[in-house]
């Protein structure tokens, strides 16, 4: 019997443009059996997709767009979270 499972992909881009390069990512995969590692972080040198648009071409759906950051005068160069985070999802069939 087959079942539909969800995968969530989080891509952080260098710029807000959907074709901008991926700088960090995480993949949560519920199609894997319980007990098996569910999350894959961006710990390799090669991201799963070069951009959000590349992921969309491969069947991923964008669920969330980033809120554009507000840079206050005098604080433009402070470190913080990665501002251009996109959340994508797709459904896969498991046997």
PDB file of N, CA and C in Angstrom:
ATOM      1  N   UNK A   1       0.839  -1.168   0.000  1.00  0.00           N
ATOM      2  CA  UNK A   1       0.000   0.000   0.000  1.00  0.00           C
ATOM      3  C   UNK A   1       0.895   1.245   0.000  1.00  0.00           C
ATOM      4  N   UNK A   2       0.603   2.192  -0.861  1.00  0.00           N
ATOM      5  CA  UNK A   2       1.411   3.407  -0.927  1.00  0.00           C
ATOM      6  C   UNK A   2       0.753   4.528  -0.131  1.00  0.00           C
ATOM      7  N   UNK A   3       1.587   5.460   0.340  1.00  0.00           N
ATOM      8  CA  UNK A   3       1.110   6.602   1.125  1.00  0.00           C
ATOM      9  C   UNK A   3       1.828   7.853   0.668  1.00  0.00           C
ATOM     10  N   UNK A   4       1.187   8.971   0.860  1.00  0.00           N
ATOM     11  CA  UNK A   4       1.762  10.253   0.502  1.00  0.00           C
ATOM     12  C   UNK A   4       2.439  10.849   1.730  1.00  0.00           C
ATOM     13  N   UNK A   5       3.696  11.300   1.582  1.00  0.00           N
ATOM     14  CA  UNK A   5       4.450  11.905   2.677  1.00  0.00           C
ATOM     15  C   UNK A   5       4.983  13.265   2.251  1.00  0.00           C
ATOM     16  N   UNK A   6       5.180  14.126   3.229  1.00  0.00           N
ATOM     17  CA  UNK A   6       5.640  15.493   2.959  1.00  0.00           C
ATOM     18  C   UNK A   6       7.140  15.626   3.209  1.00  0.00           C
ATOM     19  N   UNK A   7       7.785  16.407   2.351  1.00  0.00           N
ATOM     20  CA  UNK A   7       9.166  16.815   2.539  1.00  0.00           C
ATOM     21  C   UNK A   7       9.176  18.341   2.624  1.00  0.00           C
ATOM     22  N   UNK A   8       9.950  18.870   3.556  1.00  0.00           N
ATOM     23  CA  UNK A   8      10.094  20.319   3.718  1.00  0.00           C
ATOM     24  C   UNK A   8      11.552  20.669   3.444  1.00  0.00           C
ATOM     25  N   UNK A   9      11.754  21.661   2.597  1.00  0.00           N
ATOM     26  CA  UNK A   9      13.095  22.135   2.249  1.00  0.00           C
ATOM     27  C   UNK A   9      13.173  23.617   2.596  1.00  0.00           C
ATOM     28  N   UNK A  10      14.166  23.985   3.387  1.00  0.00           N
ATOM     29  CA  UNK A  10      14.384  25.379   3.748  1.00  0.00           C
ATOM     30  C   UNK A  10      15.663  25.842   3.063  1.00  0.00           C
ATOM     31  N   UNK A  11      15.527  26.850   2.223  1.00  0.00           N
ATOM     32  CA  UNK A  11      16.684  27.394   1.505  1.00  0.00           C
ATOM     33  C   UNK A  11      16.904  28.837   1.941  1.00  0.00           C
ATOM     34  N   UNK A  12      18.140  29.159   2.261  1.00  0.00           N
ATOM     35  CA  UNK A  12      18.547  30.535   2.555  1.00  0.00           C
ATOM     36  C   UNK A  12      19.342  31.022   1.353  1.00  0.00           C
ATOM     37  N   UNK A  13      18.929  32.151   0.793  1.00  0.00           N
ATOM     38  CA  UNK A  13      19.573  32.678  -0.399  1.00  0.00           C
ATOM     39  C   UNK A  13      20.444  33.881  -0.064  1.00  0.00           C
ATOM     40  N   UNK A  14      21.364  34.191  -0.973  1.00  0.00           N
ATOM     41  CA  UNK A  14      22.253  35.338  -0.794  1.00  0.00           C
ATOM     42  C   UNK A  14      21.500  36.654  -0.965  1.00  0.00           C
ATOM     43  N   UNK A  15      20.462  36.653  -1.795  1.00  0.00           N
ATOM     44  CA  UNK A  15      19.654  37.842  -2.083  1.00  0.00           C
ATOM     45  C   UNK A  15      18.186  37.413  -2.112  1.00  0.00           C
ATOM     46  N   UNK A  16      17.225  38.348  -2.108  1.00  0.00           N
ATOM     47  CA  UNK A  16      15.813  37.962  -2.117  1.00  0.00           C
ATOM     48  C   UNK A  16      15.323  37.406  -3.450  1.00  0.00           C
ATOM     49  N   UNK A  17      16.079  37.560  -4.514  1.00  0.00           N
ATOM     50  CA  UNK A  17      15.711  37.067  -5.843  1.00  0.00           C
ATOM     51  C   UNK A  17      15.643  35.537  -5.847  1.00  0.00           C
ATOM     52  N   UNK A  18      14.570  34.958  -6.404  1.00  0.00           N
ATOM     53  CA  UNK A  18      14.391  33.498  -6.429  1.00  0.00           C
ATOM     54  C   UNK A  18      15.508  32.771  -7.178  1.00  0.00           C
ATOM     55  N   UNK A  19      16.240  33.482  -8.016  1.00  0.00           N
ATOM     56  CA  UNK A  19      17.350  32.864  -8.747  1.00  0.00           C
ATOM     57  C   UNK A  19      18.701  33.089  -8.078  1.00  0.00           C
ATOM     58  N   UNK A  20      18.694  33.752  -6.927  1.00  0.00           N
ATOM     59  CA  UNK A  20      19.929  33.991  -6.184  1.00  0.00           C
ATOM     60  C   UNK A  20      20.476  32.669  -5.662  1.00  0.00           C
ATOM     61  N   UNK A  21      21.773  32.621  -5.389  1.00  0.00           N
ATOM     62  CA  UNK A  21      22.404  31.352  -4.994  1.00  0.00           C
ATOM     63  C   UNK A  21      22.066  30.964  -3.559  1.00  0.00           C
ATOM     64  N   UNK A  22      21.967  29.668  -3.324  1.00  0.00           N
ATOM     65  CA  UNK A  22      21.699  29.102  -2.006  1.00  0.00           C
ATOM     66  C   UNK A  22      22.963  29.174  -1.161  1.00  0.00           C
ATOM     67  N   UNK A  23      22.824  29.695   0.074  1.00  0.00           N
ATOM     68  CA  UNK A  23      23.975  29.787   0.972  1.00  0.00           C
ATOM     69  C   UNK A  23      23.847  28.855   2.182  1.00  0.00           C
ATOM     70  N   UNK A  24      22.625  28.397   2.483  1.00  0.00           N
ATOM     71  CA  UNK A  24      22.402  27.453   3.590  1.00  0.00           C
ATOM     72  C   UNK A  24      21.069  26.753   3.346  1.00  0.00           C
ATOM     73  N   UNK A  25      20.903  25.565   3.936  1.00  0.00           N
ATOM     74  CA  UNK A  25      19.677  24.805   3.699  1.00  0.00           C
ATOM     75  C   UNK A  25      19.479  23.737   4.761  1.00  0.00           C
ATOM     76  N   UNK A  26      18.244  23.235   4.833  1.00  0.00           N
ATOM     77  CA  UNK A  26      17.897  22.092   5.673  1.00  0.00           C
ATOM     78  C   UNK A  26      16.751  21.359   4.990  1.00  0.00           C
ATOM     79  N   UNK A  27      16.755  20.029   5.086  1.00  0.00           N
ATOM     80  CA  UNK A  27      15.714  19.198   4.490  1.00  0.00           C
ATOM     81  C   UNK A  27      15.129  18.306   5.572  1.00  0.00           C
ATOM     82  N   UNK A  28      13.804  18.366   5.722  1.00  0.00           N
ATOM     83  CA  UNK A  28      13.074  17.495   6.642  1.00  0.00           C
ATOM     84  C   UNK A  28      12.258  16.529   5.793  1.00  0.00           C
ATOM     85  N   UNK A  29      12.492  15.225   5.965  1.00  0.00           N
ATOM     86  CA  UNK A  29      11.926  14.226   5.069  1.00  0.00           C
ATOM     87  C   UNK A  29      11.113  13.196   5.838  1.00  0.00           C
ATOM     88  N   UNK A  30       9.778  13.323   5.818  1.00  0.00           N
ATOM     89  CA  UNK A  30       8.924  12.372   6.545  1.00  0.00           C
ATOM     90  C   UNK A  30       8.716  11.066   5.777  1.00  0.00           C
ATOM     91  N   UNK A  31       9.305  10.961   4.583  1.00  0.00           N
ATOM     92  CA  UNK A  31       9.176   9.711   3.834  1.00  0.00           C
ATOM     93  C   UNK A  31      10.150   8.652   4.348  1.00  0.00           C
ATOM     94  N   UNK A  32      11.101   9.063   5.178  1.00  0.00           N
ATOM     95  CA  UNK A  32      12.047   8.107   5.760  1.00  0.00           C
ATOM     96  C   UNK A  32      11.404   7.429   6.968  1.00  0.00           C
ATOM     97  N   UNK A  33      11.767   6.176   7.228  1.00  0.00           N
ATOM     98  CA  UNK A  33      11.183   5.458   8.369  1.00  0.00           C
ATOM     99  C   UNK A  33      11.549   6.108   9.705  1.00  0.00           C
ATOM    100  N   UNK A  34      10.685   5.911  10.704  1.00  0.00           N
ATOM    101  CA  UNK A  34      10.945   6.431  12.047  1.00  0.00           C
ATOM    102  C   UNK A  34      12.261   5.844  12.560  1.00  0.00           C
ATOM    103  N   UNK A  35      13.041   6.674  13.208  1.00  0.00           N
ATOM    104  CA  UNK A  35      14.334   6.224  13.710  1.00  0.00           C
ATOM    105  C   UNK A  35      15.480   6.560  12.769  1.00  0.00           C
ATOM    106  N   UNK A  36      15.172   6.754  11.512  1.00  0.00           N
ATOM    107  CA  UNK A  36      16.191   7.157  10.545  1.00  0.00           C
ATOM    108  C   UNK A  36      16.293   8.683  10.575  1.00  0.00           C
ATOM    109  N   UNK A  37      17.482   9.211  10.342  1.00  0.00           N
ATOM    110  CA  UNK A  37      17.695  10.656  10.391  1.00  0.00           C
ATOM    111  C   UNK A  37      16.701  11.377   9.488  1.00  0.00           C
ATOM    112  N   UNK A  38      15.909  12.272  10.066  1.00  0.00           N
ATOM    113  CA  UNK A  38      14.865  12.963   9.324  1.00  0.00           C
ATOM    114  C   UNK A  38      15.331  14.279   8.719  1.00  0.00           C
ATOM    115  N   UNK A  39      16.300  14.933   9.355  1.00  0.00           N
ATOM    116  CA  UNK A  39      16.731  16.235   8.877  1.00  0.00           C
ATOM    117  C   UNK A  39      18.136  16.163   8.311  1.00  0.00           C
ATOM    118  N   UNK A  40      18.329  16.771   7.165  1.00  0.00           N
ATOM    119  CA  UNK A  40      19.657  16.896   6.568  1.00  0.00           C
ATOM    120  C   UNK A  40      19.997  18.379   6.537  1.00  0.00           C
ATOM    121  N   UNK A  41      21.046  18.762   7.218  1.00  0.00           N
ATOM    122  CA  UNK A  41      21.438  20.170   7.237  1.00  0.00           C
ATOM    123  C   UNK A  41      22.411  20.450   6.115  1.00  0.00           C
ATOM    124  N   UNK A  42      22.625  21.698   5.870  1.00  0.00           N
ATOM    125  CA  UNK A  42      23.552  22.110   4.822  1.00  0.00           C
ATOM    126  C   UNK A  42      24.989  21.919   5.225  1.00  0.00           C
ATOM    127  N   UNK A  43      25.379  20.688   5.517  1.00  0.00           N
ATOM    128  CA  UNK A  43      26.736  20.435   5.980  1.00  0.00           C
ATOM    129  C   UNK A  43      27.654  19.912   4.877  1.00  0.00           C
ATOM    130  N   UNK A  44      27.202  19.953   3.650  1.00  0.00           N
ATOM    131  CA  UNK A  44      28.078  19.592   2.533  1.00  0.00           C
ATOM    132  C   UNK A  44      28.399  20.858   1.747  1.00  0.00           C
ATOM    133  N   UNK A  45      29.343  20.765   0.839  1.00  0.00           N
ATOM    134  CA  UNK A  45      29.736  21.928   0.050  1.00  0.00           C
ATOM    135  C   UNK A  45      28.769  22.243  -1.074  1.00  0.00           C
ATOM    136  N   UNK A  46      27.924  21.275  -1.421  1.00  0.00           N
ATOM    137  CA  UNK A  46      27.014  21.453  -2.557  1.00  0.00           C
ATOM    138  C   UNK A  46      25.570  21.451  -2.067  1.00  0.00           C
ATOM    139  N   UNK A  47      24.847  22.559  -2.272  1.00  0.00           N
ATOM    140  CA  UNK A  47      23.446  22.590  -1.849  1.00  0.00           C
ATOM    141  C   UNK A  47      22.590  21.689  -2.726  1.00  0.00           C
ATOM    142  N   UNK A  48      21.410  21.267  -2.250  1.00  0.00           N
ATOM    143  CA  UNK A  48      20.550  20.409  -3.066  1.00  0.00           C
ATOM    144  C   UNK A  48      20.064  21.120  -4.331  1.00  0.00           C
ATOM    145  N   UNK A  49      19.953  22.456  -4.260  1.00  0.00           N
ATOM    146  CA  UNK A  49      19.557  23.268  -5.417  1.00  0.00           C
ATOM    147  C   UNK A  49      20.338  24.572  -5.375  1.00  0.00           C
ATOM    148  N   UNK A  50      20.701  25.069  -6.525  1.00  0.00           N
ATOM    149  CA  UNK A  50      21.438  26.330  -6.605  1.00  0.00           C
ATOM    150  C   UNK A  50      20.566  27.524  -6.240  1.00  0.00           C
ATOM    151  N   UNK A  51      19.250  27.407  -6.429  1.00  0.00           N
ATOM    152  CA  UNK A  51      18.330  28.511  -6.151  1.00  0.00           C
ATOM    153  C   UNK A  51      16.938  27.956  -5.855  1.00  0.00           C
ATOM    154  N   UNK A  52      16.064  28.824  -5.388  1.00  0.00           N
ATOM    155  CA  UNK A  52      14.666  28.433  -5.160  1.00  0.00           C
ATOM    156  C   UNK A  52      14.012  28.079  -6.491  1.00  0.00           C
ATOM    157  N   UNK A  53      14.307  28.845  -7.518  1.00  0.00           N
ATOM    158  CA  UNK A  53      13.711  28.581  -8.827  1.00  0.00           C
ATOM    159  C   UNK A  53      14.108  27.193  -9.351  1.00  0.00           C
ATOM    160  N   UNK A  54      15.350  26.767  -9.114  1.00  0.00           N
ATOM    161  CA  UNK A  54      15.775  25.418  -9.509  1.00  0.00           C
ATOM    162  C   UNK A  54      14.970  24.357  -8.762  1.00  0.00           C
ATOM    163  N   UNK A  55      14.710  24.579  -7.471  1.00  0.00           N
ATOM    164  CA  UNK A  55      13.908  23.635  -6.684  1.00  0.00           C
ATOM    165  C   UNK A  55      12.478  23.585  -7.206  1.00  0.00           C
ATOM    166  N   UNK A  56      11.929  24.737  -7.564  1.00  0.00           N
ATOM    167  CA  UNK A  56      10.573  24.785  -8.112  1.00  0.00           C
ATOM    168  C   UNK A  56      10.494  24.004  -9.425  1.00  0.00           C
ATOM    169  N   UNK A  57      11.520  24.109 -10.237  1.00  0.00           N
ATOM    170  CA  UNK A  57      11.547  23.361 -11.508  1.00  0.00           C
ATOM    171  C   UNK A  57      11.584  21.857 -11.279  1.00  0.00           C
ATOM    172  N   UNK A  58      12.033  21.443 -10.084  1.00  0.00           N
ATOM    173  CA  UNK A  58      12.128  20.023  -9.749  1.00  0.00           C
ATOM    174  C   UNK A  58      10.907  19.540  -8.960  1.00  0.00           C
ATOM    175  N   UNK A  59       9.857  20.371  -8.872  1.00  0.00           N
ATOM    176  CA  UNK A  59       8.622  19.917  -8.242  1.00  0.00           C
ATOM    177  C   UNK A  59       8.356  20.435  -6.845  1.00  0.00           C
ATOM    178  N   UNK A  60       9.201  21.275  -6.297  1.00  0.00           N
ATOM    179  CA  UNK A  60       8.975  21.850  -4.972  1.00  0.00           C
ATOM    180  C   UNK A  60       8.034  23.040  -5.088  1.00  0.00           C
ATOM    181  N   UNK A  61       7.179  23.218  -4.078  1.00  0.00           N
ATOM    182  CA  UNK A  61       6.243  24.338  -4.019  1.00  0.00           C
ATOM    183  C   UNK A  61       6.678  25.291  -2.921  1.00  0.00           C
ATOM    184  N   UNK A  62       6.680  26.590  -3.218  1.00  0.00           N
ATOM    185  CA  UNK A  62       7.061  27.599  -2.229  1.00  0.00           C
ATOM    186  C   UNK A  62       5.889  27.799  -1.272  1.00  0.00           C
ATOM    187  N   UNK A  63       6.151  27.671   0.023  1.00  0.00           N
ATOM    188  CA  UNK A  63       5.127  27.859   1.046  1.00  0.00           C
ATOM    189  C   UNK A  63       5.273  29.198   1.750  1.00  0.00           C
ATOM    190  N   UNK A  64       6.501  29.685   1.830  1.00  0.00           N
ATOM    191  CA  UNK A  64       6.721  30.912   2.582  1.00  0.00           C
ATOM    192  C   UNK A  64       7.839  31.721   1.958  1.00  0.00           C
ATOM    193  N   UNK A  65       7.579  33.014   1.801  1.00  0.00           N
ATOM    194  CA  UNK A  65       8.583  33.961   1.326  1.00  0.00           C
ATOM    195  C   UNK A  65       9.136  34.713   2.526  1.00  0.00           C
ATOM    196  N   UNK A  66      10.377  35.182   2.434  1.00  0.00           N
ATOM    197  CA  UNK A  66      10.943  35.897   3.572  1.00  0.00           C
ATOM    198  C   UNK A  66      10.357  37.295   3.719  1.00  0.00           C
ATOM    199  N   UNK A  67      10.331  37.750   4.943  1.00  0.00           N
ATOM    200  CA  UNK A  67      10.010  39.151   5.206  1.00  0.00           C
ATOM    201  C   UNK A  67      11.280  39.940   4.936  1.00  0.00           C
ATOM    202  N   UNK A  68      11.186  40.986   4.185  1.00  0.00           N
ATOM    203  CA  UNK A  68      12.368  41.762   3.861  1.00  0.00           C
ATOM    204  C   UNK A  68      12.925  42.434   5.119  1.00  0.00           C
ATOM    205  N   UNK A  69      14.241  42.324   5.330  1.00  0.00           N
ATOM    206  CA  UNK A  69      14.840  42.902   6.537  1.00  0.00           C
ATOM    207  C   UNK A  69      14.819  44.429   6.497  1.00  0.00           C
ATOM    208  N   UNK A  70      14.771  45.000   7.684  1.00  0.00           N
ATOM    209  CA  UNK A  70      14.856  46.448   7.824  1.00  0.00           C
ATOM    210  C   UNK A  70      16.226  46.752   8.425  1.00  0.00           C
ATOM    211  N   UNK A  71      17.050  47.452   7.683  1.00  0.00           N
ATOM    212  CA  UNK A  71      18.386  47.803   8.160  1.00  0.00           C
ATOM    213  C   UNK A  71      18.354  49.222   8.708  1.00  0.00           C
ATOM    214  N   UNK A  72      18.536  49.355   9.998  1.00  0.00           N
ATOM    215  CA  UNK A  72      18.539  50.663  10.635  1.00  0.00           C
ATOM    216  C   UNK A  72      19.865  51.357  10.378  1.00  0.00           C
ATOM    217  N   UNK A  73      19.813  52.629  10.204  1.00  0.00           N
ATOM    218  CA  UNK A  73      21.019  53.419   9.960  1.00  0.00           C
ATOM    219  C   UNK A  73      22.007  53.215  11.111  1.00  0.00           C
ATOM    220  N   UNK A  74      23.234  52.917  10.733  1.00  0.00           N
ATOM    221  CA  UNK A  74      24.275  52.667  11.728  1.00  0.00           C
ATOM    222  C   UNK A  74      24.393  51.211  12.143  1.00  0.00           C
ATOM    223  N   UNK A  75      23.441  50.357  11.711  1.00  0.00           N
ATOM    224  CA  UNK A  75      23.456  48.936  12.077  1.00  0.00           C
ATOM    225  C   UNK A  75      23.488  48.031  10.844  1.00  0.00           C
ATOM    226  N   UNK A  76      23.818  48.582   9.690  1.00  0.00           N
ATOM    227  CA  UNK A  76      23.750  47.838   8.430  1.00  0.00           C
ATOM    228  C   UNK A  76      24.682  46.632   8.385  1.00  0.00           C
ATOM    229  N   UNK A  77      25.763  46.675   9.140  1.00  0.00           N
ATOM    230  CA  UNK A  77      26.777  45.624   9.042  1.00  0.00           C
ATOM    231  C   UNK A  77      26.812  44.700  10.249  1.00  0.00           C
ATOM    232  N   UNK A  78      25.799  44.762  11.088  1.00  0.00           N
ATOM    233  CA  UNK A  78      25.733  43.860  12.233  1.00  0.00           C
ATOM    234  C   UNK A  78      25.339  42.462  11.774  1.00  0.00           C
ATOM    235  N   UNK A  79      25.883  41.456  12.454  1.00  0.00           N
ATOM    236  CA  UNK A  79      25.580  40.063  12.135  1.00  0.00           C
ATOM    237  C   UNK A  79      24.221  39.687  12.713  1.00  0.00           C
ATOM    238  N   UNK A  80      23.559  38.763  12.089  1.00  0.00           N
ATOM    239  CA  UNK A  80      22.270  38.285  12.580  1.00  0.00           C
ATOM    240  C   UNK A  80      21.877  37.030  11.835  1.00  0.00           C
ATOM    241  N   UNK A  81      20.598  36.711  11.835  1.00  0.00           N
ATOM    242  CA  UNK A  81      20.107  35.535  11.125  1.00  0.00           C
ATOM    243  C   UNK A  81      20.225  35.753   9.610  1.00  0.00           C
ATOM    244  N   UNK A  82      20.111  34.688   8.861  1.00  0.00           N
ATOM    245  CA  UNK A  82      20.119  34.796   7.399  1.00  0.00           C
ATOM    246  C   UNK A  82      18.755  35.319   6.963  1.00  0.00           C
ATOM    247  N   UNK A  83      18.699  36.460   6.298  1.00  0.00           N
ATOM    248  CA  UNK A  83      17.412  37.120   6.077  1.00  0.00           C
ATOM    249  C   UNK A  83      16.542  36.569   4.948  1.00  0.00           C
ATOM    250  N   UNK A  84      17.096  35.850   3.985  1.00  0.00           N
ATOM    251  CA  UNK A  84      16.313  35.456   2.815  1.00  0.00           C
ATOM    252  C   UNK A  84      15.997  33.964   2.856  1.00  0.00           C
ATOM    253  N   UNK A  85      15.082  33.592   3.755  1.00  0.00           N
ATOM    254  CA  UNK A  85      14.721  32.190   3.976  1.00  0.00           C
ATOM    255  C   UNK A  85      13.426  31.866   3.243  1.00  0.00           C
ATOM    256  N   UNK A  86      13.476  30.817   2.435  1.00  0.00           N
ATOM    257  CA  UNK A  86      12.306  30.330   1.701  1.00  0.00           C
ATOM    258  C   UNK A  86      11.994  28.928   2.194  1.00  0.00           C
ATOM    259  N   UNK A  87      10.719  28.662   2.434  1.00  0.00           N
ATOM    260  CA  UNK A  87      10.275  27.338   2.859  1.00  0.00           C
ATOM    261  C   UNK A  87       9.520  26.720   1.690  1.00  0.00           C
ATOM    262  N   UNK A  88       9.947  25.505   1.300  1.00  0.00           N
ATOM    263  CA  UNK A  88       9.329  24.798   0.180  1.00  0.00           C
ATOM    264  C   UNK A  88       8.850  23.433   0.659  1.00  0.00           C
ATOM    265  N   UNK A  89       7.887  22.868  -0.064  1.00  0.00           N
ATOM    266  CA  UNK A  89       7.418  21.517   0.276  1.00  0.00           C
ATOM    267  C   UNK A  89       7.047  20.763  -0.991  1.00  0.00           C
ATOM    268  N   UNK A  90       7.100  19.449  -0.864  1.00  0.00           N
ATOM    269  CA  UNK A  90       6.601  18.584  -1.923  1.00  0.00           C
ATOM    270  C   UNK A  90       6.106  17.297  -1.269  1.00  0.00           C
ATOM    271  N   UNK A  91       5.238  16.616  -1.993  1.00  0.00           N
ATOM    272  CA  UNK A  91       4.702  15.339  -1.513  1.00  0.00           C
ATOM    273  C   UNK A  91       5.346  14.226  -2.327  1.00  0.00           C
ATOM    274  N   UNK A  92       5.725  13.153  -1.646  1.00  0.00           N
ATOM    275  CA  UNK A  92       6.308  11.998  -2.322  1.00  0.00           C
ATOM    276  C   UNK A  92       5.513  10.756  -1.929  1.00  0.00           C
ATOM    277  N   UNK A  93       5.477   9.799  -2.805  1.00  0.00           N
ATOM    278  CA  UNK A  93       4.774   8.542  -2.531  1.00  0.00           C
ATOM    279  C   UNK A  93       5.754   7.522  -1.988  1.00  0.00           C
ATOM    280  N   UNK A  94       5.365   6.875  -0.889  1.00  0.00           N
ATOM    281  CA  UNK A  94       6.172   5.812  -0.281  1.00  0.00           C
ATOM    282  C   UNK A  94       5.390   4.519  -0.323  1.00  0.00           C
ATOM    283  N   UNK A  95       6.081   3.452  -0.588  1.00  0.00           N
ATOM    284  CA  UNK A  95       5.448   2.121  -0.650  1.00  0.00           C
ATOM    285  C   UNK A  95       5.437   1.478   0.708  1.00  0.00           C
TER     286      UNK A  95
END
